[in-house]
Protein backbone atom coordinates (compact mmCIF):
# COMPACT_ATOMS: atom_id res chain seq x y z
CA UNK A 1 -119.93 34.06 -160.36
CA UNK A 2 -123.40 33.44 -159.86
CA UNK A 3 -124.05 35.09 -163.03
CA UNK A 4 -121.22 33.38 -164.69
CA UNK A 5 -122.14 29.70 -163.28
CA UNK A 6 -126.03 30.47 -164.88
CA UNK A 7 -124.59 30.87 -168.24
CA UNK A 8 -122.73 27.62 -168.55
CA UNK A 9 -125.44 25.88 -165.85
CA UNK A 10 -126.60 23.15 -168.69
CA UNK A 11 -122.66 21.83 -168.84
CA UNK A 12 -122.22 22.03 -165.02
CA UNK A 13 -125.39 20.40 -164.59
CA UNK A 14 -124.23 17.46 -167.17
CA UNK A 15 -120.80 16.82 -165.37
CA UNK A 16 -122.69 17.07 -161.75
CA UNK A 17 -124.81 14.22 -163.08
CA UNK A 18 -121.60 12.24 -164.01
CA UNK A 19 -120.21 12.76 -160.57
CA UNK A 20 -122.79 11.00 -158.95
CA UNK A 21 -121.48 7.83 -160.28
CA UNK A 22 -118.15 8.29 -158.82
CA UNK A 23 -119.74 8.22 -154.98
CA UNK A 24 -120.58 5.30 -152.89
CA UNK A 25 -123.94 4.67 -154.32
CA UNK A 26 -124.66 2.86 -150.91
CA UNK A 27 -125.70 5.55 -148.34
CA UNK A 28 -127.82 8.76 -149.73
CA UNK A 29 -127.25 10.75 -146.71
CA UNK A 30 -123.16 9.96 -147.01
CA UNK A 31 -122.84 10.67 -150.83
CA UNK A 32 -124.78 14.29 -149.99
CA UNK A 33 -121.95 14.53 -147.33
CA UNK A 34 -119.23 13.37 -149.21
CA UNK A 35 -120.17 15.65 -152.50
CA UNK A 36 -120.46 18.72 -150.40
CA UNK A 37 -117.17 17.98 -148.50
CA UNK A 38 -115.24 17.60 -151.96
CA UNK A 39 -116.70 21.19 -152.61
CA UNK A 40 -115.21 22.55 -149.55
CA UNK A 41 -111.63 20.66 -150.23
CA UNK A 42 -111.83 22.12 -153.49
CA UNK A 43 -112.68 25.51 -151.91
CA UNK A 44 -109.99 25.09 -149.39
CA UNK A 45 -107.37 23.92 -151.92
CA UNK A 46 -107.99 27.02 -154.50
CA UNK A 47 -107.69 29.40 -151.49
CA UNK A 48 -103.85 31.00 -150.36
CA UNK A 49 -103.15 28.76 -147.28
CA UNK A 50 -99.79 26.66 -147.80
CA UNK A 51 -101.77 23.12 -146.87
CA UNK A 52 -98.04 21.74 -146.64
CA UNK A 53 -97.70 23.19 -143.48
CA UNK A 54 -100.61 21.77 -141.78
CA UNK A 55 -101.30 18.49 -140.41
CA UNK A 56 -103.97 15.86 -141.24
CA UNK A 57 -107.46 16.81 -139.62
CA UNK A 58 -106.26 20.67 -138.47
CA UNK A 59 -108.95 23.11 -138.32
CA UNK A 60 -108.10 25.73 -141.10
CA UNK A 61 -109.58 29.04 -139.92
CA UNK A 62 -110.11 32.33 -142.69
CA UNK A 63 -108.85 30.30 -145.64
CA UNK A 64 -112.65 30.91 -147.19
CA UNK A 65 -114.70 34.39 -146.93
CA UNK A 66 -117.34 35.14 -145.54
CA UNK A 67 -118.15 36.51 -149.11
CA UNK A 68 -117.44 33.12 -150.80
CA UNK A 69 -119.80 31.05 -148.24
CA UNK A 70 -122.66 33.58 -148.67
CA UNK A 71 -122.20 33.07 -152.51
CA UNK A 72 -122.36 29.45 -152.22
CA UNK A 73 -125.25 29.54 -149.69
CA UNK A 74 -127.37 31.57 -152.28
CA UNK A 75 -126.29 29.09 -155.10
CA UNK A 76 -127.49 25.94 -152.87
CA UNK A 77 -130.96 27.84 -152.01
CA UNK A 78 -131.28 28.80 -155.44
CA UNK A 79 -130.81 25.40 -156.85
CA UNK A 80 -133.68 24.22 -154.45
CA UNK A 81 -136.06 27.01 -155.35
CA UNK A 82 -135.35 26.68 -159.04
CA UNK A 83 -135.90 22.76 -158.37
CA UNK A 84 -138.84 22.75 -156.59
CA UNK A 85 -137.38 22.42 -152.81
CA UNK A 86 -138.43 24.20 -149.72
CA UNK A 87 -135.20 26.34 -148.51
CA UNK A 88 -137.28 28.40 -145.67
CA UNK A 89 -135.13 27.67 -142.36
CA UNK A 90 -132.53 25.21 -143.29
CA UNK A 91 -130.50 27.28 -140.57
CA UNK A 92 -132.82 25.70 -137.94
CA UNK A 93 -132.74 21.97 -138.88
CA UNK A 94 -130.78 19.69 -137.20
CA UNK A 95 -128.40 16.88 -138.99
CA UNK A 96 -128.74 13.52 -137.91
CA UNK A 97 -125.76 12.53 -135.32
CA UNK A 98 -124.85 9.61 -137.96
CA UNK A 99 -123.77 12.32 -140.48
CA UNK A 100 -122.43 15.20 -138.56
CA UNK A 101 -118.59 14.07 -138.83
CA UNK A 102 -115.93 14.82 -141.48
CA UNK A 103 -115.69 11.96 -143.96
CA UNK A 104 -111.86 11.23 -143.96
CA UNK A 105 -112.22 9.21 -147.05
CA UNK A 106 -113.15 12.52 -148.98
CA UNK A 107 -109.61 12.66 -150.94
CA UNK A 108 -110.40 8.93 -152.40
CA UNK A 109 -113.63 10.60 -154.10
CA UNK A 110 -111.93 14.23 -154.99
CA UNK A 111 -109.67 12.58 -157.27
CA UNK A 112 -112.53 10.83 -159.76
CA UNK A 113 -114.26 14.05 -159.74
CA UNK A 114 -111.02 15.87 -160.83
CA UNK A 115 -111.03 13.54 -163.74
CA UNK A 116 -114.57 14.32 -164.83
CA UNK A 117 -113.82 17.82 -164.40
CA UNK A 118 -110.77 18.35 -166.40
CA UNK A 119 -112.18 15.59 -169.32
CA UNK A 120 -114.80 18.68 -169.88
CA UNK A 121 -112.18 21.35 -169.67
CA UNK A 122 -114.41 23.34 -167.65
CA UNK A 123 -113.12 26.61 -165.31
CA UNK A 124 -111.65 25.59 -162.32
CA UNK A 125 -113.53 28.17 -160.12
CA UNK A 126 -116.92 25.84 -161.37
CA UNK A 127 -115.72 22.80 -159.71
CA UNK A 128 -117.06 23.42 -156.02
CA UNK A 129 -120.14 24.32 -157.55
CA UNK A 130 -120.13 21.17 -159.75
CA UNK A 131 -119.72 19.44 -156.30
CA UNK A 132 -122.48 20.98 -154.88
CA UNK A 133 -125.09 20.34 -157.66
CA UNK A 134 -124.08 16.45 -157.61
CA UNK A 135 -125.13 16.78 -153.81
CA UNK A 136 -128.24 18.82 -154.44
CA UNK A 137 -129.20 16.54 -157.26
CA UNK A 138 -129.12 13.47 -154.34
CA UNK A 139 -131.53 15.88 -151.99
CA UNK A 140 -133.63 16.21 -154.62
CA UNK A 141 -133.95 12.46 -155.57
CA UNK A 142 -133.84 11.55 -151.93
CA UNK A 143 -136.89 13.87 -151.07
CA UNK A 144 -138.72 12.43 -154.45
CA UNK A 145 -138.37 8.68 -153.18
CA UNK A 146 -139.23 9.44 -149.82
CA UNK A 147 -135.49 8.65 -148.44
CA UNK A 148 -134.76 12.26 -146.87
CA UNK A 149 -136.47 15.17 -145.90
CA UNK A 150 -135.14 17.91 -148.46
CA UNK A 151 -134.03 20.71 -145.65
CA UNK A 152 -132.24 18.48 -143.94
CA UNK A 153 -130.57 17.18 -147.06
CA UNK A 154 -129.78 20.73 -147.71
CA UNK A 155 -128.35 21.43 -144.30
CA UNK A 156 -126.36 18.45 -144.83
CA UNK A 157 -124.97 19.93 -147.98
CA UNK A 158 -124.06 23.47 -145.99
CA UNK A 159 -122.78 21.70 -143.04
CA UNK A 160 -120.46 19.50 -145.07
CA UNK A 161 -119.19 22.27 -147.43
CA UNK A 162 -117.84 23.96 -143.85
CA UNK A 163 -116.62 20.99 -142.89
CA UNK A 164 -114.77 20.35 -146.10
CA UNK A 165 -113.39 24.20 -146.31
CA UNK A 166 -111.98 23.82 -142.90
CA UNK A 167 -110.28 20.51 -142.31
CA UNK A 168 -106.92 19.39 -143.62
CA UNK A 169 -107.56 16.32 -145.48
CA UNK A 170 -106.49 13.21 -144.97
CA UNK A 171 -103.94 11.96 -147.76
């Protein structure tokens, strides 16, 4: 998958930039977490799990394979390194308490991302990677503007991808 993404990265990057305009624009860490949770939710929706039998807020285990999570992590680290961010030891970074919870309103933003994806006719398997790229663009901007340590931003991205992919969304 990553080699396919690399070939189509120019359009993925363009679409990721468009998605940024659909976030809150009021809090960089929340917008990073939202974009990452959208990525996780996209992974969850693409899984074989019957979400109609789940209740809002349920924890869903096993829907996403470990291999998929490893691929996502490689993408995040690769994105960071190719954009000049340090990704060493991001697994040892503590996420601020203020941003460690699942964001229930993620579905409100998910639909706007879908509209953008569909308007470009991009492959559905790229959707999570576009949302991750949006989150990582914010991490990079936050680092450059002195608003956010890039390692914390990357940890927020990885953490919230998992939150989004393992939590039955609010409707």
